Amino acid sequence: NLAKQVQEKDLKFIFGRYVDFQSEVERNMFDIRVMKEGR
């Protein structure tokens, strides 16, 4: 139920608060994929 204008940076702004970017492991685990085509 995401709006059309939602981008990865928008989700990173929200979900990035749950990641410790000082840790390389957590940075590598953090991944965002926004679907914009088809169903």
Full PDB file with SEQRES, HELIX, SHEET, SSBOND, CRYST1, ORIGX, SCALE, CONECT and MASTER records, all heavy atoms in Angstrom:
SEQRES   1 A   39  ASN LEU ALA LYS GLN VAL GLN GLU LYS ASP LEU LYS PHE          
SEQRES   2 A   39  ILE PHE GLY ARG TYR VAL ASP PHE GLN SER GLU VAL GLU          
SEQRES   3 A   39  ARG ASN MET PHE ASP ILE ARG VAL MET LYS GLU GLY ARG          
HELIX    1 AA1 GLU A    8  PHE A   15  1                                   8    
HELIX    2 AA2 GLY A   16  TYR A   18  5                                   3    
HELIX    3 AA3 GLU A   24  MET A   29  1                                   6    
CRYST1    1.000    1.000    1.000  90.00  90.00  90.00 P 1           1          
ORIGX1      1.000000  0.000000  0.000000        0.00000                         
ORIGX2      0.000000  1.000000  0.000000        0.00000                         
ORIGX3      0.000000  0.000000  1.000000        0.00000                         
SCALE1      1.000000  0.000000  0.000000        0.00000                         
SCALE2      0.000000  1.000000  0.000000        0.00000                         
SCALE3      0.000000  0.000000  1.000000        0.00000                         
ATOM      1  N   ASN A   1       0.829  -1.210   0.000  1.00  0.00           N  
ATOM      2  CA  ASN A   1       0.000   0.000   0.000  1.00  0.00           C  
ATOM      3  C   ASN A   1       0.861   1.257   0.000  1.00  0.00           C  
ATOM      4  O   ASN A   1       0.539   2.260   0.649  1.00  0.00           O  
ATOM      5  CB  ASN A   1      -0.950   0.008   1.198  1.00  0.00           C  
ATOM      6  CG  ASN A   1      -2.087   1.005   1.019  1.00  0.00           C  
ATOM      7  OD1 ASN A   1      -2.654   1.125  -0.070  1.00  0.00           O  
ATOM      8  ND2 ASN A   1      -2.433   1.711   2.069  1.00  0.00           N  
ATOM      9  N   LEU A   2       1.947   1.199  -0.755  1.00  0.00           N  
ATOM     10  CA  LEU A   2       2.831   2.358  -0.878  1.00  0.00           C  
ATOM     11  C   LEU A   2       2.362   3.282  -1.995  1.00  0.00           C  
ATOM     12  O   LEU A   2       1.823   2.831  -3.011  1.00  0.00           O  
ATOM     13  CB  LEU A   2       4.271   1.900  -1.156  1.00  0.00           C  
ATOM     14  CG  LEU A   2       4.964   1.107  -0.045  1.00  0.00           C  
ATOM     15  CD1 LEU A   2       6.305   0.606  -0.532  1.00  0.00           C  
ATOM     16  CD2 LEU A   2       5.132   1.964   1.212  1.00  0.00           C  
ATOM     17  N   ALA A   3       2.588   4.558  -1.823  1.00  0.00           N  
ATOM     18  CA  ALA A   3       2.244   5.532  -2.852  1.00  0.00           C  
ATOM     19  C   ALA A   3       3.218   5.422  -4.028  1.00  0.00           C  
ATOM     20  O   ALA A   3       4.321   4.890  -3.902  1.00  0.00           O  
ATOM     21  CB  ALA A   3       2.284   6.943  -2.267  1.00  0.00           C  
ATOM     22  N   LYS A   4       2.797   5.939  -5.167  1.00  0.00           N  
ATOM     23  CA  LYS A   4       3.618   5.829  -6.376  1.00  0.00           C  
ATOM     24  C   LYS A   4       4.952   6.553  -6.231  1.00  0.00           C  
ATOM     25  O   LYS A   4       5.959   6.100  -6.766  1.00  0.00           O  
ATOM     26  CB  LYS A   4       2.854   6.404  -7.573  1.00  0.00           C  
ATOM     27  CG  LYS A   4       1.609   5.616  -7.943  1.00  0.00           C  
ATOM     28  CD  LYS A   4       0.912   6.252  -9.133  1.00  0.00           C  
ATOM     29  CE  LYS A   4      -0.361   5.476  -9.497  1.00  0.00           C  
ATOM     30  NZ  LYS A   4      -1.070   6.099 -10.640  1.00  0.00           N  
ATOM     31  N   GLN A   5       4.949   7.683  -5.512  1.00  0.00           N  
ATOM     32  CA  GLN A   5       6.169   8.495  -5.408  1.00  0.00           C  
ATOM     33  C   GLN A   5       7.154   7.997  -4.355  1.00  0.00           C  
ATOM     34  O   GLN A   5       8.204   8.603  -4.168  1.00  0.00           O  
ATOM     35  CB  GLN A   5       5.824   9.963  -5.126  1.00  0.00           C  
ATOM     36  CG  GLN A   5       5.018  10.200  -3.860  1.00  0.00           C  
ATOM     37  CD  GLN A   5       3.528  10.220  -4.118  1.00  0.00           C  
ATOM     38  OE1 GLN A   5       3.019   9.420  -4.890  1.00  0.00           O  
ATOM     39  NE2 GLN A   5       2.831  11.143  -3.473  1.00  0.00           N  
ATOM     40  N   VAL A   6       6.824   6.909  -3.680  1.00  0.00           N  
ATOM     41  CA  VAL A   6       7.739   6.383  -2.660  1.00  0.00           C  
ATOM     42  C   VAL A   6       9.003   5.832  -3.320  1.00  0.00           C  
ATOM     43  O   VAL A   6       8.931   5.068  -4.275  1.00  0.00           O  
ATOM     44  CB  VAL A   6       7.058   5.278  -1.822  1.00  0.00           C  
ATOM     45  CG1 VAL A   6       8.061   4.637  -0.873  1.00  0.00           C  
ATOM     46  CG2 VAL A   6       5.900   5.853  -1.033  1.00  0.00           C  
ATOM     47  N   GLN A   7      10.146   6.219  -2.772  1.00  0.00           N  
ATOM     48  CA  GLN A   7      11.439   5.758  -3.274  1.00  0.00           C  
ATOM     49  C   GLN A   7      12.211   5.059  -2.154  1.00  0.00           C  
ATOM     50  O   GLN A   7      11.805   5.078  -0.995  1.00  0.00           O  
ATOM     51  CB  GLN A   7      12.244   6.948  -3.821  1.00  0.00           C  
ATOM     52  CG  GLN A   7      11.574   7.666  -4.978  1.00  0.00           C  
ATOM     53  CD  GLN A   7      12.373   8.844  -5.468  1.00  0.00           C  
ATOM     54  OE1 GLN A   7      13.458   9.135  -4.947  1.00  0.00           O  
ATOM     55  NE2 GLN A   7      11.863   9.539  -6.472  1.00  0.00           N  
ATOM     56  N   GLU A   8      13.337   4.482  -2.542  1.00  0.00           N  
ATOM     57  CA  GLU A   8      14.151   3.765  -1.554  1.00  0.00           C  
ATOM     58  C   GLU A   8      14.623   4.688  -0.431  1.00  0.00           C  
ATOM     59  O   GLU A   8      14.684   4.291   0.733  1.00  0.00           O  
ATOM     60  CB  GLU A   8      15.356   3.124  -2.248  1.00  0.00           C  
ATOM     61  CG  GLU A   8      14.981   1.970  -3.160  1.00  0.00           C  
ATOM     62  CD  GLU A   8      16.208   1.308  -3.769  1.00  0.00           C  
ATOM     63  OE1 GLU A   8      17.339   1.720  -3.404  1.00  0.00           O  
ATOM     64  OE2 GLU A   8      16.049   0.388  -4.579  1.00  0.00           O  
ATOM     65  N   LYS A   9      14.952   5.932  -0.768  1.00  0.00           N  
ATOM     66  CA  LYS A   9      15.441   6.871   0.251  1.00  0.00           C  
ATOM     67  C   LYS A   9      14.357   7.158   1.299  1.00  0.00           C  
ATOM     68  O   LYS A   9      14.664   7.384   2.476  1.00  0.00           O  
ATOM     69  CB  LYS A   9      15.903   8.172  -0.397  1.00  0.00           C  
ATOM     70  CG  LYS A   9      14.813   8.947  -1.103  1.00  0.00           C  
ATOM     71  CD  LYS A   9      15.356  10.235  -1.706  1.00  0.00           C  
ATOM     72  CE  LYS A   9      14.246  11.038  -2.380  1.00  0.00           C  
ATOM     73  NZ  LYS A   9      14.781  12.309  -2.939  1.00  0.00           N  
ATOM     74  N   ASP A  10      13.080   7.129   0.871  1.00  0.00           N  
ATOM     75  CA  ASP A  10      11.989   7.360   1.817  1.00  0.00           C  
ATOM     76  C   ASP A  10      11.894   6.219   2.831  1.00  0.00           C  
ATOM     77  O   ASP A  10      11.712   6.452   4.031  1.00  0.00           O  
ATOM     78  CB  ASP A  10      10.662   7.502   1.067  1.00  0.00           C  
ATOM     79  CG  ASP A  10      10.664   8.695   0.120  1.00  0.00           C  
ATOM     80  OD1 ASP A  10      11.222   9.744   0.487  1.00  0.00           O  
ATOM     81  OD2 ASP A  10      10.115   8.565  -0.989  1.00  0.00           O  
ATOM     82  N   LEU A  11      12.027   4.994   2.342  1.00  0.00           N  
ATOM     83  CA  LEU A  11      11.981   3.838   3.236  1.00  0.00           C  
ATOM     84  C   LEU A  11      13.244   3.735   4.076  1.00  0.00           C  
ATOM     85  O   LEU A  11      13.208   3.281   5.226  1.00  0.00           O  
ATOM     86  CB  LEU A  11      11.782   2.561   2.420  1.00  0.00           C  
ATOM     87  CG  LEU A  11      10.458   2.481   1.641  1.00  0.00           C  
ATOM     88  CD1 LEU A  11      10.389   1.194   0.845  1.00  0.00           C  
ATOM     89  CD2 LEU A  11       9.261   2.599   2.584  1.00  0.00           C  
ATOM     90  N   LYS A  12      14.346   4.169   3.530  1.00  0.00           N  
ATOM     91  CA  LYS A  12      15.594   4.168   4.294  1.00  0.00           C  
ATOM     92  C   LYS A  12      15.508   5.170   5.439  1.00  0.00           C  
ATOM     93  O   LYS A  12      16.014   4.923   6.536  1.00  0.00           O  
ATOM     94  CB  LYS A  12      16.771   4.519   3.386  1.00  0.00           C  
ATOM     95  CG  LYS A  12      18.120   4.464   4.093  1.00  0.00           C  
ATOM     96  CD  LYS A  12      19.262   4.777   3.138  1.00  0.00           C  
ATOM     97  CE  LYS A  12      20.597   4.702   3.859  1.00  0.00           C  
ATOM     98  NZ  LYS A  12      21.731   5.013   2.966  1.00  0.00           N  
ATOM     99  N   PHE A  13      14.840   6.282   5.192  1.00  0.00           N  
ATOM    100  CA  PHE A  13      14.646   7.301   6.224  1.00  0.00           C  
ATOM    101  C   PHE A  13      13.831   6.760   7.396  1.00  0.00           C  
ATOM    102  O   PHE A  13      14.029   7.145   8.553  1.00  0.00           O  
ATOM    103  CB  PHE A  13      13.943   8.518   5.607  1.00  0.00           C  
ATOM    104  CG  PHE A  13      13.613   9.589   6.607  1.00  0.00           C  
ATOM    105  CD1 PHE A  13      14.603  10.378   7.180  1.00  0.00           C  
ATOM    106  CD2 PHE A  13      12.303   9.830   6.991  1.00  0.00           C  
ATOM    107  CE1 PHE A  13      14.302  11.362   8.104  1.00  0.00           C  
ATOM    108  CE2 PHE A  13      11.987  10.812   7.910  1.00  0.00           C  
ATOM    109  CZ  PHE A  13      12.996  11.584   8.467  1.00  0.00           C  
ATOM    110  N   ILE A  14      12.925   5.838   7.103  1.00  0.00           N  
ATOM    111  CA  ILE A  14      12.064   5.270   8.141  1.00  0.00           C  
ATOM    112  C   ILE A  14      12.701   4.055   8.801  1.00  0.00           C  
ATOM    113  O   ILE A  14      12.834   3.984  10.020  1.00  0.00           O  
ATOM    114  CB  ILE A  14      10.696   4.894   7.549  1.00  0.00           C  
ATOM    115  CG1 ILE A  14       9.973   6.156   7.059  1.00  0.00           C  
ATOM    116  CG2 ILE A  14       9.838   4.169   8.589  1.00  0.00           C  
ATOM    117  CD1 ILE A  14       8.720   5.876   6.274  1.00  0.00           C  
ATOM    118  N   PHE A  15      13.120   3.090   7.987  1.00  0.00           N  
ATOM    119  CA  PHE A  15      13.613   1.818   8.539  1.00  0.00           C  
ATOM    120  C   PHE A  15      15.097   1.866   8.894  1.00  0.00           C  
ATOM    121  O   PHE A  15      15.601   0.947   9.540  1.00  0.00           O  
ATOM    122  CB  PHE A  15      13.361   0.694   7.538  1.00  0.00           C  
ATOM    123  CG  PHE A  15      11.902   0.354   7.380  1.00  0.00           C  
ATOM    124  CD1 PHE A  15      11.146   0.925   6.364  1.00  0.00           C  
ATOM    125  CD2 PHE A  15      11.277  -0.526   8.244  1.00  0.00           C  
ATOM    126  CE1 PHE A  15       9.808   0.623   6.210  1.00  0.00           C  
ATOM    127  CE2 PHE A  15       9.929  -0.834   8.105  1.00  0.00           C  
ATOM    128  CZ  PHE A  15       9.194  -0.255   7.088  1.00  0.00           C  
ATOM    129  N   GLY A  16      15.779   2.912   8.497  1.00  0.00           N  
ATOM    130  CA  GLY A  16      17.201   3.023   8.825  1.00  0.00           C  
ATOM    131  C   GLY A  16      17.462   3.205  10.303  1.00  0.00           C  
ATOM    132  O   GLY A  16      18.561   2.933  10.785  1.00  0.00           O  
ATOM    133  N   ARG A  17      16.441   3.638  11.050  1.00  0.00           N  
ATOM    134  CA  ARG A  17      16.605   3.845  12.484  1.00  0.00           C  
ATOM    135  C   ARG A  17      16.759   2.533  13.235  1.00  0.00           C  
ATOM    136  O   ARG A  17      17.145   2.513  14.403  1.00  0.00           O  
ATOM    137  CB  ARG A  17      15.413   4.638  13.038  1.00  0.00           C  
ATOM    138  CG  ARG A  17      14.120   3.856  13.122  1.00  0.00           C  
ATOM    139  CD  ARG A  17      12.950   4.772  13.456  1.00  0.00           C  
ATOM    140  NE  ARG A  17      13.180   5.526  14.664  1.00  0.00           N  
ATOM    141  CZ  ARG A  17      12.904   5.111  15.894  1.00  0.00           C  
ATOM    142  NH1 ARG A  17      12.392   3.909  16.068  1.00  0.00           N  
ATOM    143  NH2 ARG A  17      13.128   5.861  16.933  1.00  0.00           N  
ATOM    144  N   TYR A  18      16.461   1.412  12.583  1.00  0.00           N  
ATOM    145  CA  TYR A  18      16.568   0.103  13.224  1.00  0.00           C  
ATOM    146  C   TYR A  18      17.870  -0.608  12.858  1.00  0.00           C  
ATOM    147  O   TYR A  18      18.029  -1.791  13.132  1.00  0.00           O  
ATOM    148  CB  TYR A  18      15.379  -0.772  12.825  1.00  0.00           C  
ATOM    149  CG  TYR A  18      14.055  -0.115  13.123  1.00  0.00           C  
ATOM    150  CD1 TYR A  18      13.298   0.469  12.112  1.00  0.00           C  
ATOM    151  CD2 TYR A  18      13.563  -0.064  14.423  1.00  0.00           C  
ATOM    152  CE1 TYR A  18      12.090   1.090  12.383  1.00  0.00           C  
ATOM    153  CE2 TYR A  18      12.360   0.555  14.706  1.00  0.00           C  
ATOM    154  CZ  TYR A  18      11.632   1.137  13.676  1.00  0.00           C  
ATOM    155  OH  TYR A  18      10.436   1.758  13.957  1.00  0.00           O  
ATOM    156  N   VAL A  19      18.785   0.120  12.243  1.00  0.00           N  
ATOM    157  CA  VAL A  19      20.055  -0.459  11.805  1.00  0.00           C  
ATOM    158  C   VAL A  19      21.200   0.322  12.428  1.00  0.00           C  
ATOM    159  O   VAL A  19      21.181   1.556  12.475  1.00  0.00           O  
ATOM    160  CB  VAL A  19      20.173  -0.430  10.269  1.00  0.00           C  
ATOM    161  CG1 VAL A  19      21.485  -1.053   9.819  1.00  0.00           C  
ATOM    162  CG2 VAL A  19      18.991  -1.155   9.628  1.00  0.00           C  
ATOM    163  N   ASP A  20      22.206  -0.401  12.914  1.00  0.00           N  
ATOM    164  CA  ASP A  20      23.413   0.223  13.438  1.00  0.00           C  
ATOM    165  C   ASP A  20      24.439   0.304  12.304  1.00  0.00           C  
ATOM    166  O   ASP A  20      25.077  -0.685  11.957  1.00  0.00           O  
ATOM    167  CB  ASP A  20      23.960  -0.591  14.611  1.00  0.00           C  
ATOM    168  CG  ASP A  20      25.185   0.056  15.231  1.00  0.00           C  
ATOM    169  OD1 ASP A  20      25.498   1.213  14.870  1.00  0.00           O  
ATOM    170  OD2 ASP A  20      25.847  -0.593  16.068  1.00  0.00           O  
ATOM    171  N   PHE A  21      24.568   1.490  11.722  1.00  0.00           N  
ATOM    172  CA  PHE A  21      25.437   1.657  10.562  1.00  0.00           C  
ATOM    173  C   PHE A  21      26.911   1.655  10.918  1.00  0.00           C  
ATOM    174  O   PHE A  21      27.759   1.649  10.032  1.00  0.00           O  
ATOM    175  CB  PHE A  21      25.075   2.954   9.821  1.00  0.00           C  
ATOM    176  CG  PHE A  21      23.800   2.841   9.031  1.00  0.00           C  
ATOM    177  CD1 PHE A  21      22.581   3.125   9.614  1.00  0.00           C  
ATOM    178  CD2 PHE A  21      23.822   2.429   7.708  1.00  0.00           C  
ATOM    179  CE1 PHE A  21      21.400   3.020   8.901  1.00  0.00           C  
ATOM    180  CE2 PHE A  21      22.650   2.312   6.982  1.00  0.00           C  
ATOM    181  CZ  PHE A  21      21.435   2.613   7.575  1.00  0.00           C  
ATOM    182  N   GLN A  22      27.224   1.646  12.195  1.00  0.00           N  
ATOM    183  CA  GLN A  22      28.618   1.517  12.607  1.00  0.00           C  
ATOM    184  C   GLN A  22      29.098   0.075  12.457  1.00  0.00           C  
ATOM    185  O   GLN A  22      30.292  -0.186  12.419  1.00  0.00           O  
ATOM    186  CB  GLN A  22      28.784   1.976  14.054  1.00  0.00           C  
ATOM    187  CG  GLN A  22      28.511   3.464  14.254  1.00  0.00           C  
ATOM    188  CD  GLN A  22      28.669   3.890  15.695  1.00  0.00           C  
ATOM    189  OE1 GLN A  22      28.851   3.046  16.576  1.00  0.00           O  
ATOM    190  NE2 GLN A  22      28.606   5.187  15.946  1.00  0.00           N  
ATOM    191  N   SER A  23      28.154  -0.834  12.366  1.00  0.00           N  
ATOM    192  CA  SER A  23      28.486  -2.248  12.197  1.00  0.00           C  
ATOM    193  C   SER A  23      28.411  -2.610  10.709  1.00  0.00           C  
ATOM    194  O   SER A  23      27.394  -2.391  10.051  1.00  0.00           O  
ATOM    195  CB  SER A  23      27.515  -3.117  12.998  1.00  0.00           C  
ATOM    196  OG  SER A  23      27.738  -4.482  12.727  1.00  0.00           O  
ATOM    197  N   GLU A  24      29.482  -3.156  10.182  1.00  0.00           N  
ATOM    198  CA  GLU A  24      29.505  -3.546   8.769  1.00  0.00           C  
ATOM    199  C   GLU A  24      28.503  -4.654   8.488  1.00  0.00           C  
ATOM    200  O   GLU A  24      27.873  -4.694   7.427  1.00  0.00           O  
ATOM    201  CB  GLU A  24      30.914  -3.990   8.374  1.00  0.00           C  
ATOM    202  CG  GLU A  24      31.945  -2.871   8.408  1.00  0.00           C  
ATOM    203  CD  GLU A  24      33.312  -3.352   7.976  1.00  0.00           C  
ATOM    204  OE1 GLU A  24      33.435  -4.562   7.666  1.00  0.00           O  
ATOM    205  OE2 GLU A  24      34.245  -2.532   7.946  1.00  0.00           O  
ATOM    206  N   VAL A  25      28.357  -5.560   9.448  1.00  0.00           N  
ATOM    207  CA  VAL A  25      27.426  -6.679   9.270  1.00  0.00           C  
ATOM    208  C   VAL A  25      26.003  -6.158   9.097  1.00  0.00           C  
ATOM    209  O   VAL A  25      25.285  -6.567   8.179  1.00  0.00           O  
ATOM    210  CB  VAL A  25      27.502  -7.649  10.472  1.00  0.00           C  
ATOM    211  CG1 VAL A  25      26.487  -8.762  10.321  1.00  0.00           C  
ATOM    212  CG2 VAL A  25      28.914  -8.217  10.597  1.00  0.00           C  
ATOM    213  N   GLU A  26      25.587  -5.247   9.967  1.00  0.00           N  
ATOM    214  CA  GLU A  26      24.226  -4.718   9.888  1.00  0.00           C  
ATOM    215  C   GLU A  26      24.026  -3.879   8.628  1.00  0.00           C  
ATOM    216  O   GLU A  26      22.953  -3.884   8.029  1.00  0.00           O  
ATOM    217  CB  GLU A  26      23.905  -3.899  11.144  1.00  0.00           C  
ATOM    218  CG  GLU A  26      23.830  -4.748  12.404  1.00  0.00           C  
ATOM    219  CD  GLU A  26      23.141  -4.020  13.545  1.00  0.00           C  
ATOM    220  OE1 GLU A  26      22.626  -2.910  13.309  1.00  0.00           O  
ATOM    221  OE2 GLU A  26      23.103  -4.581  14.655  1.00  0.00           O  
ATOM    222  N   ARG A  27      25.054  -3.161   8.244  1.00  0.00           N  
ATOM    223  CA  ARG A  27      24.945  -2.373   7.002  1.00  0.00           C  
ATOM    224  C   ARG A  27      24.750  -3.280   5.797  1.00  0.00           C  
ATOM    225  O   ARG A  27      23.972  -2.979   4.892  1.00  0.00           O  
ATOM    226  CB  ARG A  27      26.190  -1.516   6.803  1.00  0.00           C  
ATOM    227  CG  ARG A  27      26.166  -0.212   7.579  1.00  0.00           C  
ATOM    228  CD  ARG A  27      27.370   0.639   7.283  1.00  0.00           C  
ATOM    229  NE  ARG A  27      28.597   0.017   7.771  1.00  0.00           N  
ATOM    230  CZ  ARG A  27      29.813   0.526   7.585  1.00  0.00           C  
ATOM    231  NH1 ARG A  27      29.975   1.633   6.903  1.00  0.00           N  
ATOM    232  NH2 ARG A  27      30.877  -0.080   8.093  1.00  0.00           N  
ATOM    233  N   ASN A  28      25.454  -4.379   5.787  1.00  0.00           N  
ATOM    234  CA  ASN A  28      25.316  -5.323   4.670  1.00  0.00           C  
ATOM    235  C   ASN A  28      23.965  -6.036   4.697  1.00  0.00           C  
ATOM    236  O   ASN A  28      23.398  -6.352   3.645  1.00  0.00           O  
ATOM    237  CB  ASN A  28      26.448  -6.351   4.706  1.00  0.00           C  
ATOM    238  CG  ASN A  28      27.810  -5.716   4.464  1.00  0.00           C  
ATOM    239  OD1 ASN A  28      27.916  -4.704   3.767  1.00  0.00           O  
ATOM    240  ND2 ASN A  28      28.855  -6.296   5.034  1.00  0.00           N  
ATOM    241  N   MET A  29      23.442  -6.281   5.885  1.00  0.00           N  
ATOM    242  CA  MET A  29      22.148  -6.941   6.015  1.00  0.00           C  
ATOM    243  C   MET A  29      21.000  -6.023   5.590  1.00  0.00           C  
ATOM    244  O   MET A  29      19.964  -6.476   5.125  1.00  0.00           O  
ATOM    245  CB  MET A  29      21.929  -7.389   7.460  1.00  0.00           C  
ATOM    246  CG  MET A  29      22.839  -8.532   7.907  1.00  0.00           C  
ATOM    247  SD  MET A  29      22.393 -10.099   7.142  1.00  0.00           S  
ATOM    248  CE  MET A  29      20.830 -10.423   7.957  1.00  0.00           C  
ATOM    249  N   PHE A  30      21.186  -4.728   5.762  1.00  0.00           N  
ATOM    250  CA  PHE A  30      20.124  -3.759   5.447  1.00  0.00           C  
ATOM    251  C   PHE A  30      19.955  -3.647   3.934  1.00  0.00           C  
ATOM    252  O   PHE A  30      20.869  -3.275   3.208  1.00  0.00           O  
ATOM    253  CB  PHE A  30      20.474  -2.403   6.057  1.00  0.00           C  
ATOM    254  CG  PHE A  30      19.377  -1.382   5.925  1.00  0.00           C  
ATOM    255  CD1 PHE A  30      18.091  -1.660   6.340  1.00  0.00           C  
ATOM    256  CD2 PHE A  30      19.643  -0.127   5.387  1.00  0.00           C  
ATOM    257  CE1 PHE A  30      17.082  -0.720   6.227  1.00  0.00           C  
ATOM    258  CE2 PHE A  30      18.643   0.816   5.273  1.00  0.00           C  
ATOM    259  CZ  PHE A  30      17.364   0.523   5.692  1.00  0.00           C  
ATOM    260  N   ASP A  31      18.760  -3.980   3.481  1.00  0.00           N  
ATOM    261  CA  ASP A  31      18.493  -3.985   2.036  1.00  0.00           C  
ATOM    262  C   ASP A  31      17.062  -3.518   1.781  1.00  0.00           C  
ATOM    263  O   ASP A  31      16.135  -3.920   2.489  1.00  0.00           O  
ATOM    264  CB  ASP A  31      18.705  -5.394   1.479  1.00  0.00           C  
ATOM    265  CG  ASP A  31      18.474  -5.447  -0.023  1.00  0.00           C  
ATOM    266  OD1 ASP A  31      18.684  -4.411  -0.695  1.00  0.00           O  
ATOM    267  OD2 ASP A  31      18.076  -6.507  -0.533  1.00  0.00           O  
ATOM    268  N   ILE A  32      16.888  -2.657   0.782  1.00  0.00           N  
ATOM    269  CA  ILE A  32      15.563  -2.142   0.436  1.00  0.00           C  
ATOM    270  C   ILE A  32      15.317  -2.350  -1.060  1.00  0.00           C  
ATOM    271  O   ILE A  32      16.152  -1.993  -1.890  1.00  0.00           O  
ATOM    272  CB  ILE A  32      15.440  -0.643   0.765  1.00  0.00           C  
ATOM    273  CG1 ILE A  32      15.610  -0.416   2.272  1.00  0.00           C  
ATOM    274  CG2 ILE A  32      14.086  -0.097   0.307  1.00  0.00           C  
ATOM    275  CD1 ILE A  32      15.639   1.037   2.664  1.00  0.00           C  
ATOM    276  N   ARG A  33      14.170  -2.934  -1.360  1.00  0.00           N  
ATOM    277  CA  ARG A  33      13.787  -3.143  -2.755  1.00  0.00           C  
ATOM    278  C   ARG A  33      12.347  -2.681  -2.944  1.00  0.00           C  
ATOM    279  O   ARG A  33      11.416  -3.266  -2.379  1.00  0.00           O  
ATOM    280  CB  ARG A  33      13.918  -4.622  -3.135  1.00  0.00           C  
ATOM    281  CG  ARG A  33      15.358  -5.113  -3.119  1.00  0.00           C  
ATOM    282  CD  ARG A  33      15.463  -6.551  -3.556  1.00  0.00           C  
ATOM    283  NE  ARG A  33      16.820  -7.047  -3.456  1.00  0.00           N  
ATOM    284  CZ  ARG A  33      17.208  -8.269  -3.789  1.00  0.00           C  
ATOM    285  NH1 ARG A  33      16.292  -9.154  -4.208  1.00  0.00           N  
ATOM    286  NH2 ARG A  33      18.465  -8.646  -3.673  1.00  0.00           N  
ATOM    287  N   VAL A  34      12.185  -1.640  -3.729  1.00  0.00           N  
ATOM    288  CA  VAL A  34      10.859  -1.087  -4.006  1.00  0.00           C  
ATOM    289  C   VAL A  34      10.411  -1.570  -5.382  1.00  0.00           C  
ATOM    290  O   VAL A  34      11.118  -1.392  -6.375  1.00  0.00           O  
ATOM    291  CB  VAL A  34      10.880   0.451  -3.965  1.00  0.00           C  
ATOM    292  CG1 VAL A  34       9.498   1.019  -4.249  1.00  0.00           C  
ATOM    293  CG2 VAL A  34      11.387   0.935  -2.610  1.00  0.00           C  
ATOM    294  N   MET A  35       9.247  -2.174  -5.416  1.00  0.00           N  
ATOM    295  CA  MET A  35       8.693  -2.683  -6.673  1.00  0.00           C  
ATOM    296  C   MET A  35       7.849  -1.597  -7.346  1.00  0.00           C  
ATOM    297  O   MET A  35       6.952  -1.035  -6.720  1.00  0.00           O  
ATOM    298  CB  MET A  35       7.840  -3.928  -6.405  1.00  0.00           C  
ATOM    299  CG  MET A  35       8.564  -5.001  -5.604  1.00  0.00           C  
ATOM    300  SD  MET A  35      10.070  -5.588  -6.401  1.00  0.00           S  
ATOM    301  CE  MET A  35      10.701  -6.704  -5.149  1.00  0.00           C  
ATOM    302  N   LYS A  36       8.134  -1.331  -8.607  1.00  0.00           N  
ATOM    303  CA  LYS A  36       7.433  -0.259  -9.320  1.00  0.00           C  
ATOM    304  C   LYS A  36       6.854  -0.722 -10.661  1.00  0.00           C  
ATOM    305  O   LYS A  36       6.366   0.093 -11.438  1.00  0.00           O  
ATOM    306  CB  LYS A  36       8.377   0.921  -9.550  1.00  0.00           C  
ATOM    307  CG  LYS A  36       8.832   1.594  -8.264  1.00  0.00           C  
ATOM    308  CD  LYS A  36       9.694   2.794  -8.548  1.00  0.00           C  
ATOM    309  CE  LYS A  36      10.103   3.493  -7.257  1.00  0.00           C  
ATOM    310  NZ  LYS A  36      10.944   4.689  -7.509  1.00  0.00           N  
ATOM    311  N   GLU A  37       6.905  -2.009 -10.900  1.00  0.00           N  
ATOM    312  CA  GLU A  37       6.405  -2.509 -12.177  1.00  0.00           C  
ATOM    313  C   GLU A  37       5.479  -3.702 -11.947  1.00  0.00           C  
ATOM    314  O   GLU A  37       5.647  -4.466 -11.001  1.00  0.00           O  
ATOM    315  CB  GLU A  37       7.572  -2.919 -13.080  1.00  0.00           C  
ATOM    316  CG  GLU A  37       8.461  -1.758 -13.486  1.00  0.00           C  
ATOM    317  CD  GLU A  37       9.613  -2.199 -14.379  1.00  0.00           C  
ATOM    318  OE1 GLU A  37       9.736  -3.424 -14.608  1.00  0.00           O  
ATOM    319  OE2 GLU A  37      10.375  -1.339 -14.830  1.00  0.00           O  
ATOM    320  N   GLY A  38       4.513  -3.840 -12.855  1.00  0.00           N  
ATOM    321  CA  GLY A  38       3.609  -4.982 -12.821  1.00  0.00           C  
ATOM    322  C   GLY A  38       2.723  -5.025 -11.593  1.00  0.00           C  
ATOM    323  O   GLY A  38       2.365  -3.999 -11.016  1.00  0.00           O  
ATOM    324  N   ARG A  39       2.393  -6.236 -11.207  1.00  0.00           N  
ATOM    325  CA  ARG A  39       1.493  -6.419 -10.059  1.00  0.00           C  
ATOM    326  C   ARG A  39       2.136  -6.047  -8.728  1.00  0.00           C  
ATOM    327  O   ARG A  39       1.437  -5.873  -7.732  1.00  0.00           O  
ATOM    328  CB  ARG A  39       1.034  -7.881 -10.008  1.00  0.00           C  
ATOM    329  CG  ARG A  39       0.232  -8.314 -11.226  1.00  0.00           C  
ATOM    330  CD  ARG A  39      -0.142  -9.773 -11.106  1.00  0.00           C  
ATOM    331  NE  ARG A  39      -0.909 -10.237 -12.257  1.00  0.00           N  
ATOM    332  CZ  ARG A  39      -1.328 -11.477 -12.434  1.00  0.00           C  
ATOM    333  NH1 ARG A  39      -1.037 -12.401 -11.504  1.00  0.00           N  
ATOM    334  NH2 ARG A  39      -2.008 -11.821 -13.503  1.00  0.00           N  
TER     335      ARG A  39                                                      
MASTER        0    0    0    3    0    0    0    6  334    1    0    3          
END                                                                             
